[in-house]
C-alpha atoms as a PDB file:
ATOM      1  CA  LYS A   1      40.956  10.974  -8.925  1.00  0.00           C
ATOM      2  CA  ALA A   2      39.713   7.835  -6.540  1.00  0.00           C
ATOM      3  CA  TYR A   3      37.963  10.503  -3.990  1.00  0.00           C
ATOM      4  CA  ARG A   4      36.720  12.909  -7.108  1.00  0.00           C
ATOM      5  CA  SER A   5      35.638   9.254  -8.596  1.00  0.00           C
ATOM      6  CA  GLY A   6      33.363   9.061  -5.239  1.00  0.00           C
ATOM      7  CA  ILE A   7      35.317   6.831  -3.476  1.00  0.00           C
ATOM      8  CA  ARG A   8      35.929   7.321   0.105  1.00  0.00           C
ATOM      9  CA  ALA A   9      36.747   5.078   2.122  1.00  0.00           C
ATOM     10  CA  PHE A  10      41.467   4.152   1.657  1.00  0.00           C
ATOM     11  CA  ASP A  11      42.739   0.901   2.852  1.00  0.00           C
ATOM     12  CA  THR A  12      46.308   1.626   4.205  1.00  0.00           C
ATOM     13  CA  ALA A  13      49.254  -0.141   6.776  1.00  0.00           C
ATOM     14  CA  PHE A  14      51.812   0.512   8.649  1.00  0.00           C
ATOM     15  CA  SER A  15      53.828  -2.012   6.421  1.00  0.00           C
ATOM     16  CA  TYR A  16      53.043  -0.054   3.061  1.00  0.00           C
ATOM     17  CA  ASN A  17      56.029   2.168   2.902  1.00  0.00           C
ATOM     18  CA  GLU A  18      54.606   5.586   2.309  1.00  0.00           C
ATOM     19  CA  ALA A  19      51.003   4.581   1.789  1.00  0.00           C
ATOM     20  CA  ASP A  20      50.061   6.348   5.178  1.00  0.00           C
ATOM     21  CA  SER A  21      52.234  10.244   4.287  1.00  0.00           C
ATOM     22  CA  ILE A  22      50.907   9.698   0.441  1.00  0.00           C
ATOM     23  CA  LEU A  23      47.528   9.782   1.247  1.00  0.00           C
ATOM     24  CA  PHE A  24      47.511  12.170   4.086  1.00  0.00           C
ATOM     25  CA  SER A  25      48.912  14.768   2.016  1.00  0.00           C
ATOM     26  CA  SER A  26      46.969  13.735  -1.353  1.00  0.00           C
ATOM     27  CA  MET A  27      43.833  14.953   1.116  1.00  0.00           C
ATOM     28  CA  LYS A  28      45.832  17.541   2.235  1.00  0.00           C
ATOM     29  CA  GLU A  29      46.642  19.277  -1.150  1.00  0.00           C
ATOM     30  CA  LEU A  30      42.644  18.409  -2.320  1.00  0.00           C
ATOM     31  CA  LYS A  31      41.698  20.483   1.331  1.00  0.00           C
ATOM     32  CA  ILE A  32      39.111  17.576   1.931  1.00  0.00           C
ATOM     33  CA  ASP A  33      38.169  16.864   5.810  1.00  0.00           C
ATOM     34  CA  ARG A  34      39.260  14.531   7.552  1.00  0.00           C
ATOM     35  CA  SER A  35      34.852  13.312   8.336  1.00  0.00           C
ATOM     36  CA  GLU A  36      34.730  13.326   4.642  1.00  0.00           C
ATOM     37  CA  TYR A  37      35.803   9.886   4.560  1.00  0.00           C
ATOM     38  CA  GLN A  38      37.353   6.777   5.850  1.00  0.00           C
ATOM     39  CA  ILE A  39      40.995   4.940   6.912  1.00  0.00           C
ATOM     40  CA  TRP A  40      40.776   1.431   7.206  1.00  0.00           C
ATOM     41  CA  SER A  41      44.544   0.594   8.410  1.00  0.00           C
ATOM     42  CA  LYS A  42      46.271  -2.374   9.681  1.00  0.00           C
ATOM     43  CA  VAL A  43      49.178  -3.554  11.978  1.00  0.00           C
ATOM     44  CA  MET A  44      51.197  -6.724  12.728  1.00  0.00           C
ATOM     45  CA  PRO A  45      50.892  -8.276  16.300  1.00  0.00           C
ATOM     46  CA  VAL A  46      54.115  -7.453  17.856  1.00  0.00           C
ATOM     47  CA  PRO A  47      54.835  -6.209  21.080  1.00  0.00           C
ATOM     48  CA  THR A  48      55.007  -2.802  19.475  1.00  0.00           C
ATOM     49  CA  MET A  49      52.017  -2.721  17.849  1.00  0.00           C
ATOM     50  CA  GLU A  50      50.327   0.628  20.135  1.00  0.00           C
ATOM     51  CA  ARG A  51      53.751   2.078  19.175  1.00  0.00           C
ATOM     52  CA  LYS A  52      53.178   1.791  15.083  1.00  0.00           C
ATOM     53  CA  ALA A  53      49.790   2.149  15.087  1.00  0.00           C
ATOM     54  CA  GLU A  54      50.426   5.909  16.841  1.00  0.00           C
ATOM     55  CA  ALA A  55      53.340   6.412  14.233  1.00  0.00           C
ATOM     56  CA  SER A  56      50.741   5.378  11.329  1.00  0.00           C
ATOM     57  CA  LEU A  57      48.016   7.896  12.884  1.00  0.00           C
ATOM     58  CA  ARG A  58      50.899  10.913  13.206  1.00  0.00           C
ATOM     59  CA  ARG A  59      51.671   9.873   8.977  1.00  0.00           C
ATOM     60  CA  LEU A  60      48.299   9.643   8.433  1.00  0.00           C
ATOM     61  CA  GLY A  61      48.388  13.143   9.758  1.00  0.00           C
ATOM     62  CA  THR A  62      44.750  12.018  11.821  1.00  0.00           C
ATOM     63  CA  SER A  63      43.916  11.433  15.596  1.00  0.00           C
ATOM     64  CA  TYR A  64      41.688   8.463  14.399  1.00  0.00           C
ATOM     65  CA  PHE A  65      41.805   5.349  12.244  1.00  0.00           C
ATOM     66  CA  ASP A  66      37.612   3.953  11.245  1.00  0.00           C
ATOM     67  CA  ILE A  67      38.433   0.772  10.741  1.00  0.00           C
ATOM     68  CA  LEU A  68      41.918  -1.233  12.450  1.00  0.00           C
ATOM     69  CA  MET A  69      42.893  -4.851  12.139  1.00  0.00           C
ATOM     70  CA  LEU A  70      45.328  -7.052  12.772  1.00  0.00           C
ATOM     71  CA  HIS A  71      47.375  -7.376   9.687  1.00  0.00           C
ATOM     72  CA  TRP A  72      48.326 -11.360  10.006  1.00  0.00           C
ATOM     73  CA  PRO A  73      47.776 -14.448  12.735  1.00  0.00           C
ATOM     74  CA  THR A  74      50.730 -15.170  14.851  1.00  0.00           C
ATOM     75  CA  ASN A  75      50.456 -17.344  18.034  1.00  0.00           C
ATOM     76  CA  ASP A  76      48.285 -17.522  20.685  1.00  0.00           C
ATOM     77  CA  THR A  77      50.163 -15.772  23.239  1.00  0.00           C
ATOM     78  CA  LEU A  78      51.139 -12.661  21.256  1.00  0.00           C
ATOM     79  CA  LEU A  79      47.938 -13.379  19.161  1.00  0.00           C
ATOM     80  CA  PHE A  80      45.562 -12.530  22.752  1.00  0.00           C
ATOM     81  CA  SER A  81      47.859 -10.022  24.040  1.00  0.00           C
ATOM     82  CA  SER A  82      47.803  -7.865  20.205  1.00  0.00           C
ATOM     83  CA  LEU A  83      44.119  -8.573  20.703  1.00  0.00           C
ATOM     84  CA  LYS A  84      43.950  -6.913  23.790  1.00  0.00           C
ATOM     85  CA  ALA A  85      45.664  -4.311  22.457  1.00  0.00           C
ATOM     86  CA  LEU A  86      43.791  -3.219  19.850  1.00  0.00           C
ATOM     87  CA  GLU A  87      41.175  -2.691  22.340  1.00  0.00           C
ATOM     88  CA  ASP A  88      42.674  -0.580  24.404  1.00  0.00           C
ATOM     89  CA  LEU A  89      43.205   1.319  20.850  1.00  0.00           C
ATOM     90  CA  LYS A  90      38.956   1.554  20.345  1.00  0.00           C
ATOM     91  CA  ASP A  91      38.892   2.869  24.032  1.00  0.00           C
ATOM     92  CA  ARG A  92      41.699   5.401  23.665  1.00  0.00           C
ATOM     93  CA  GLY A  93      39.687   6.695  20.940  1.00  0.00           C
ATOM     94  CA  CYS A  94      42.825   5.425  17.815  1.00  0.00           C
ATOM     95  CA  THR A  95      39.862   3.775  16.357  1.00  0.00           C
ATOM     96  CA  LYS A  96      36.320   3.647  16.012  1.00  0.00           C
ATOM     97  CA  GLU A  97      36.610  -0.085  14.829  1.00  0.00           C
ATOM     98  CA  ILE A  98      38.423  -3.307  15.517  1.00  0.00           C
ATOM     99  CA  GLY A  99      38.728  -6.693  12.892  1.00  0.00           C
ATOM    100  CA  VAL A 100      41.574  -9.122  11.735  1.00  0.00           C
ATOM    101  CA  SER A 101      42.487  -9.660   8.698  1.00  0.00           C
ATOM    102  CA  ASN A 102      44.107 -12.953   6.639  1.00  0.00           C
ATOM    103  CA  PHE A 103      42.424 -15.245   9.945  1.00  0.00           C
ATOM    104  CA  PRO A 104      41.163 -18.872   8.456  1.00  0.00           C
ATOM    105  CA  LEU A 105      38.181 -20.128  10.037  1.00  0.00           C
ATOM    106  CA  PRO A 106      38.906 -21.755  12.948  1.00  0.00           C
ATOM    107  CA  LEU A 107      41.092 -18.665  13.970  1.00  0.00           C
ATOM    108  CA  LEU A 108      38.403 -16.322  13.565  1.00  0.00           C
ATOM    109  CA  GLU A 109      35.340 -18.379  14.713  1.00  0.00           C
ATOM    110  CA  LYS A 110      38.031 -18.591  18.525  1.00  0.00           C
ATOM    111  CA  VAL A 111      38.460 -14.886  17.576  1.00  0.00           C
ATOM    112  CA  LEU A 112      35.174 -13.824  17.844  1.00  0.00           C
ATOM    113  CA  CYS A 113      34.570 -15.870  20.567  1.00  0.00           C
ATOM    114  CA  ASP A 114      36.837 -13.100  22.821  1.00  0.00           C
ATOM    115  CA  PHE A 115      36.902 -10.775  21.102  1.00  0.00           C
ATOM    116  CA  PRO A 116      34.243  -7.921  19.620  1.00  0.00           C
ATOM    117  CA  ILE A 117      35.384  -7.859  15.899  1.00  0.00           C
ATOM    118  CA  SER A 118      33.663  -6.430  13.290  1.00  0.00           C
ATOM    119  CA  TYR A 119      35.563  -7.255  10.433  1.00  0.00           C
ATOM    120  CA  HIS A 120      37.104  -9.199   8.675  1.00  0.00           C
ATOM    121  CA  GLU A 121      39.518  -8.320   5.579  1.00  0.00           C
ATOM    122  CA  ARG A 122      40.109 -11.505   3.709  1.00  0.00           C
ATOM    123  CA  PRO A 123      41.431 -12.084  -0.186  1.00  0.00           C
ATOM    124  CA  LEU A 124      38.658 -13.090  -2.096  1.00  0.00           C
ATOM    125  CA  SER A 125      38.577 -13.588  -5.868  1.00  0.00           C
ATOM    126  CA  LEU A 126      37.917 -17.035  -8.600  1.00  0.00           C
ATOM    127  CA  ILE A 127      41.596 -18.185  -7.042  1.00  0.00           C
ATOM    128  CA  TRP A 128      40.403 -18.096  -3.040  1.00  0.00           C
ATOM    129  CA  MET A 129      36.618 -18.834  -2.330  1.00  0.00           C
ATOM    130  CA  LYS A 130      37.818 -21.533   0.476  1.00  0.00           C
ATOM    131  CA  ASN A 131      34.841 -21.163   4.070  1.00  0.00           C
ATOM    132  CA  TRP A 132      33.891 -18.315   2.280  1.00  0.00           C
ATOM    133  CA  ASN A 133      30.398 -19.571   3.007  1.00  0.00           C
ATOM    134  CA  GLU A 134      31.463 -20.694   6.406  1.00  0.00           C
ATOM    135  CA  GLU A 135      32.081 -16.764   6.857  1.00  0.00           C
ATOM    136  CA  LYS A 136      29.342 -15.115   5.542  1.00  0.00           C
ATOM    137  CA  ARG A 137      27.150 -17.298   8.385  1.00  0.00           C
ATOM    138  CA  LEU A 138      29.238 -16.030  11.362  1.00  0.00           C
ATOM    139  CA  GLY A 139      26.979 -12.525  10.540  1.00  0.00           C
ATOM    140  CA  ILE A 140      30.769 -10.352  10.738  1.00  0.00           C
ATOM    141  CA  LYS A 141      31.736  -7.470   8.113  1.00  0.00           C
ATOM    142  CA  SER A 142      33.770  -9.269   5.350  1.00  0.00           C
ATOM    143  CA  ILE A 143      36.145  -6.980   3.410  1.00  0.00           C
ATOM    144  CA  ALA A 144      37.217  -8.622   0.155  1.00  0.00           C
ATOM    145  CA  TYR A 145      40.370  -7.820  -1.258  1.00  0.00           C
ATOM    146  CA  SER A 146      42.055  -8.669  -4.182  1.00  0.00           C
ATOM    147  CA  PRO A 147      39.153  -9.794  -6.344  1.00  0.00           C
ATOM    148  CA  GLY A 148      40.985 -10.083  -9.514  1.00  0.00           C
ATOM    149  CA  GLY A 149      43.630 -12.919  -7.781  1.00  0.00           C
ATOM    150  CA  PHE A 150      46.470 -10.340  -7.746  1.00  0.00           C
ATOM    151  CA  GLY A 151      46.215  -9.660 -10.748  1.00  0.00           C
ATOM    152  CA  LEU A 152      46.833 -13.775 -12.132  1.00  0.00           C
ATOM    153  CA  LEU A 153      42.882 -13.392 -13.377  1.00  0.00           C
ATOM    154  CA  SER A 154      43.602 -10.572 -15.457  1.00  0.00           C
ATOM    155  CA  GLY A 155      44.365 -12.953 -18.683  1.00  0.00           C
ATOM    156  CA  LYS A 156      47.606 -12.505 -19.121  1.00  0.00           C
ATOM    157  CA  TYR A 157      49.581 -15.307 -17.472  1.00  0.00           C
ATOM    158  CA  SER A 158      49.755 -18.546 -17.784  1.00  0.00           C
ATOM    159  CA  ALA A 159      51.893 -21.707 -17.670  1.00  0.00           C
ATOM    160  CA  SER A 160      54.024 -20.471 -20.553  1.00  0.00           C
ATOM    161  CA  ASN A 161      54.395 -17.299 -19.170  1.00  0.00           C
ATOM    162  CA  PRO A 162      54.123 -16.736 -15.641  1.00  0.00           C
ATOM    163  CA  PRO A 163      54.386 -13.915 -13.693  1.00  0.00           C
ATOM    164  CA  LEU A 164      57.975 -12.603 -13.337  1.00  0.00           C
ATOM    165  CA  ASP A 165      57.317 -12.107  -9.614  1.00  0.00           C
ATOM    166  CA  GLN A 166      55.966 -14.036  -5.985  1.00  0.00           C
ATOM    167  CA  ARG A 167      52.322 -14.255  -7.696  1.00  0.00           C
ATOM    168  CA  LYS A 168      54.226 -17.265  -9.593  1.00  0.00           C
ATOM    169  CA  GLU A 169      54.135 -19.269  -6.474  1.00  0.00           C
ATOM    170  CA  ILE A 170      50.523 -18.624  -6.518  1.00  0.00           C
ATOM    171  CA  LYS A 171      50.099 -22.609  -5.556  1.00  0.00           C
ATOM    172  CA  ALA A 172      46.481 -21.616  -7.022  1.00  0.00           C
ATOM    173  CA  PHE A 173      48.392 -20.984 -10.227  1.00  0.00           C
ATOM    174  CA  SER A 174      49.155 -24.049 -11.040  1.00  0.00           C
ATOM    175  CA  SER A 175      46.474 -26.498 -10.463  1.00  0.00           C
ATOM    176  CA  PRO A 176      45.575 -27.796 -13.315  1.00  0.00           C
ATOM    177  CA  TYR A 177      42.041 -26.407 -13.338  1.00  0.00           C
ATOM    178  CA  PHE A 178      43.607 -22.909 -13.436  1.00  0.00           C
ATOM    179  CA  PRO A 179      43.385 -22.599 -17.643  1.00  0.00           C
ATOM    180  CA  LEU A 180      39.948 -24.178 -17.721  1.00  0.00           C
ATOM    181  CA  LEU A 181      39.321 -20.810 -15.290  1.00  0.00           C
ATOM    182  CA  ILE A 182      40.891 -18.355 -17.330  1.00  0.00           C
ATOM    183  CA  SER A 183      39.551 -19.637 -21.057  1.00  0.00           C
ATOM    184  CA  LEU A 184      35.563 -19.355 -19.071  1.00  0.00           C
ATOM    185  CA  LEU A 185      36.622 -15.844 -18.015  1.00  0.00           C
ATOM    186  CA  ASP A 186      38.016 -15.328 -21.519  1.00  0.00           C
ATOM    187  CA  GLU A 187      34.512 -16.511 -23.348  1.00  0.00           C
ATOM    188  CA  ILE A 188      32.413 -14.775 -20.594  1.00  0.00           C
ATOM    189  CA  ALA A 189      34.832 -11.142 -21.168  1.00  0.00           C
ATOM    190  CA  ILE A 190      34.341 -11.418 -25.029  1.00  0.00           C
ATOM    191  CA  LYS A 191      30.650 -12.375 -25.032  1.00  0.00           C
ATOM    192  CA  HIS A 192      29.733  -9.160 -22.683  1.00  0.00           C
ATOM    193  CA  ASN A 193      32.719  -7.209 -24.187  1.00  0.00           C
ATOM    194  CA  SER A 194      34.185  -6.844 -21.440  1.00  0.00           C
ATOM    195  CA  SER A 195      37.486  -7.844 -19.799  1.00  0.00           C
ATOM    196  CA  PRO A 196      38.422 -10.756 -17.981  1.00  0.00           C
ATOM    197  CA  TYR A 197      39.523  -8.776 -14.647  1.00  0.00           C
ATOM    198  CA  ALA A 198      35.975  -6.496 -14.828  1.00  0.00           C
ATOM    199  CA  VAL A 199      34.138 -10.856 -14.939  1.00  0.00           C
ATOM    200  CA  SER A 200      36.006 -11.663 -11.725  1.00  0.00           C
ATOM    201  CA  TYR A 201      35.137  -8.254 -10.183  1.00  0.00           C
ATOM    202  CA  SER A 202      31.889  -8.094 -11.231  1.00  0.00           C
ATOM    203  CA  PHE A 203      31.386 -12.266  -9.721  1.00  0.00           C
ATOM    204  CA  VAL A 204      33.137 -11.041  -6.401  1.00  0.00           C
ATOM    205  CA  LYS A 205      30.067  -8.250  -6.329  1.00  0.00           C
ATOM    206  CA  GLY A 206      27.546 -10.582  -6.226  1.00  0.00           C
ATOM    207  CA  GLU A 207      28.754 -12.773  -3.691  1.00  0.00           C
ATOM    208  CA  LYS A 208      28.121  -9.454  -1.406  1.00  0.00           C
ATOM    209  CA  PRO A 209      31.325  -8.911   0.885  1.00  0.00           C
ATOM    210  CA  TRP A 210      30.337  -6.122   3.272  1.00  0.00           C
ATOM    211  CA  ALA A 211      32.825  -3.953   0.838  1.00  0.00           C
ATOM    212  CA  ILE A 212      35.680  -4.769  -1.683  1.00  0.00           C
ATOM    213  CA  VAL A 213      39.281  -3.463  -1.525  1.00  0.00           C
ATOM    214  CA  ARG A 214      40.746  -3.055  -5.148  1.00  0.00           C
ATOM    215  CA  GLY A 215      44.056  -1.644  -6.289  1.00  0.00           C
ATOM    216  CA  ALA A 216      44.001   0.990  -9.372  1.00  0.00           C
ATOM    217  CA  GLY A 217      47.328   1.430 -11.951  1.00  0.00           C
ATOM    218  CA  LYS A 218      45.906   4.205 -13.837  1.00  0.00           C
ATOM    219  CA  GLU A 219      42.729   6.688 -13.768  1.00  0.00           C
ATOM    220  CA  GLU A 220      40.541   4.554 -16.262  1.00  0.00           C
ATOM    221  CA  ASP A 221      40.808   1.627 -13.859  1.00  0.00           C
ATOM    222  CA  LEU A 222      38.370   3.793 -11.991  1.00  0.00           C
ATOM    223  CA  SER A 223      35.723   3.904 -13.991  1.00  0.00           C
ATOM    224  CA  LEU A 224      36.005   0.233 -14.769  1.00  0.00           C
ATOM    225  CA  SER A 225      32.497  -1.078 -16.189  1.00  0.00           C
ATOM    226  CA  LEU A 226      31.285  -4.174 -14.722  1.00  0.00           C
ATOM    227  CA  PRO A 227      29.234  -6.864 -16.599  1.00  0.00           C
ATOM    228  CA  VAL A 228      25.664  -8.256 -15.455  1.00  0.00           C
ATOM    229  CA  LEU A 229      26.845 -11.559 -15.518  1.00  0.00           C
ATOM    230  CA  ASN A 230      23.919 -14.683 -15.479  1.00  0.00           C
ATOM    231  CA  THR A 231      22.904 -17.300 -13.317  1.00  0.00           C
ATOM    232  CA  LYS A 232      24.891 -20.508 -15.649  1.00  0.00           C
ATOM    233  CA  GLU A 233      27.828 -17.766 -15.845  1.00  0.00           C
ATOM    234  CA  ARG A 234      28.263 -17.315 -12.251  1.00  0.00           C
ATOM    235  CA  GLU A 235      27.378 -21.276 -11.286  1.00  0.00           C
ATOM    236  CA  ASP A 236      30.097 -22.066 -14.020  1.00  0.00           C
ATOM    237  CA  LEU A 237      32.903 -19.568 -12.865  1.00  0.00           C
ATOM    238  CA  LEU A 238      31.877 -20.835  -9.168  1.00  0.00           C
ATOM    239  CA  GLU A 239      32.837 -24.765  -9.830  1.00  0.00           C
ATOM    240  CA  LEU A 240      36.388 -24.431 -11.516  1.00  0.00           C
ATOM    241  CA  SER A 241      36.969 -21.663  -8.902  1.00  0.00           C
ATOM    242  CA  LEU A 242      36.023 -23.928  -6.124  1.00  0.00           C
ATOM    243  CA  LEU A 243      38.160 -26.715  -7.937  1.00  0.00           C
ATOM    244  CA  VAL A 244      41.292 -24.029  -7.976  1.00  0.00           C
ATOM    245  CA  SER A 245      40.739 -23.326  -4.582  1.00  0.00           C
ATOM    246  CA  LYS A 246      40.839 -27.095  -3.334  1.00  0.00           C
ATOM    247  CA  SER A 247      43.791 -27.790  -4.998  1.00  0.00           C
ATOM    248  CA  ASP A 248      45.712 -25.723  -2.131  1.00  0.00           C
ATOM    249  CA  SER A 249      45.621 -27.075   1.160  1.00  0.00           C
ATOM    250  CA  SER A 250      46.436 -23.851   2.699  1.00  0.00           C
ATOM    251  CA  ASP A 251      44.794 -21.868   5.080  1.00  0.00           C
ATOM    252  CA  ASN A 252      45.933 -19.269   3.318  1.00  0.00           C
ATOM    253  CA  ILE A 253      46.411 -18.351  -0.370  1.00  0.00           C
ATOM    254  CA  PHE A 254      50.151 -17.305   0.090  1.00  0.00           C
ATOM    255  CA  SER A 255      50.408 -20.988   1.249  1.00  0.00           C
ATOM    256  CA  HIS A 256      50.924 -20.302   4.526  1.00  0.00           C
ATOM    257  CA  ASN A 257      49.022 -23.553   7.550  1.00  0.00           C
ATOM    258  CA  TRP A 258      48.816 -20.848  10.285  1.00  0.00           C
ATOM    259  CA  LEU A 259      46.584 -23.596  12.275  1.00  0.00           C
ATOM    260  CA  LEU A 260      49.844 -25.788  12.053  1.00  0.00           C
ATOM    261  CA  ARG A 261      51.816 -23.390  13.997  1.00  0.00           C
END
């Protein structure tokens, strides 16, 4: 359904269980040629990362990734060897382009000094805008994921009705500014006869990352209609978003502080 809706890039990772195999079997059933769609994938920076990348390619039924990224940061020694391995995979034709994912800004800047990294996949939403303006100035192609803040911006959740999984541990959710942000999203959504999620997605799209990755649980999610936000609506959302982001001292939305390790 995604392919028939015009989507031509699919984001996966070695650690996403059967996602690789499902993508391969779906495209095979549809008889879609590999050249007709892109595969963006990620692999953890571990000593066996090359073997894991090769295993992922076999599951995907392809000889190459369009973009292959390191899934998470790690210590300096392993990070350097992993980036070298990533370069080797590109030299061998296993991937067309290389990148990193979930890197805090100072580490991203450090990596860019020594490696030809072209892409950075990072969370970007109204609950996580940290260092976004600084990253835009780096000239790297940013792939934004979870524009709906992992579902926290859907309007379904509050302090009295938290999600029943680990999302309730995301610090932005407990920010005193989070309820104000949800209230504003509801107000704007009603005004545009839309939904809080669609407003959230429209905001992220307006920030103009190179690409946006999002999930879809139902077929109708693929035909999302986005409201056009005016300047004041964007400014009001950004103001509250920055307050929510600043309430978390971590350098990653999942409360990891990679730079302190």
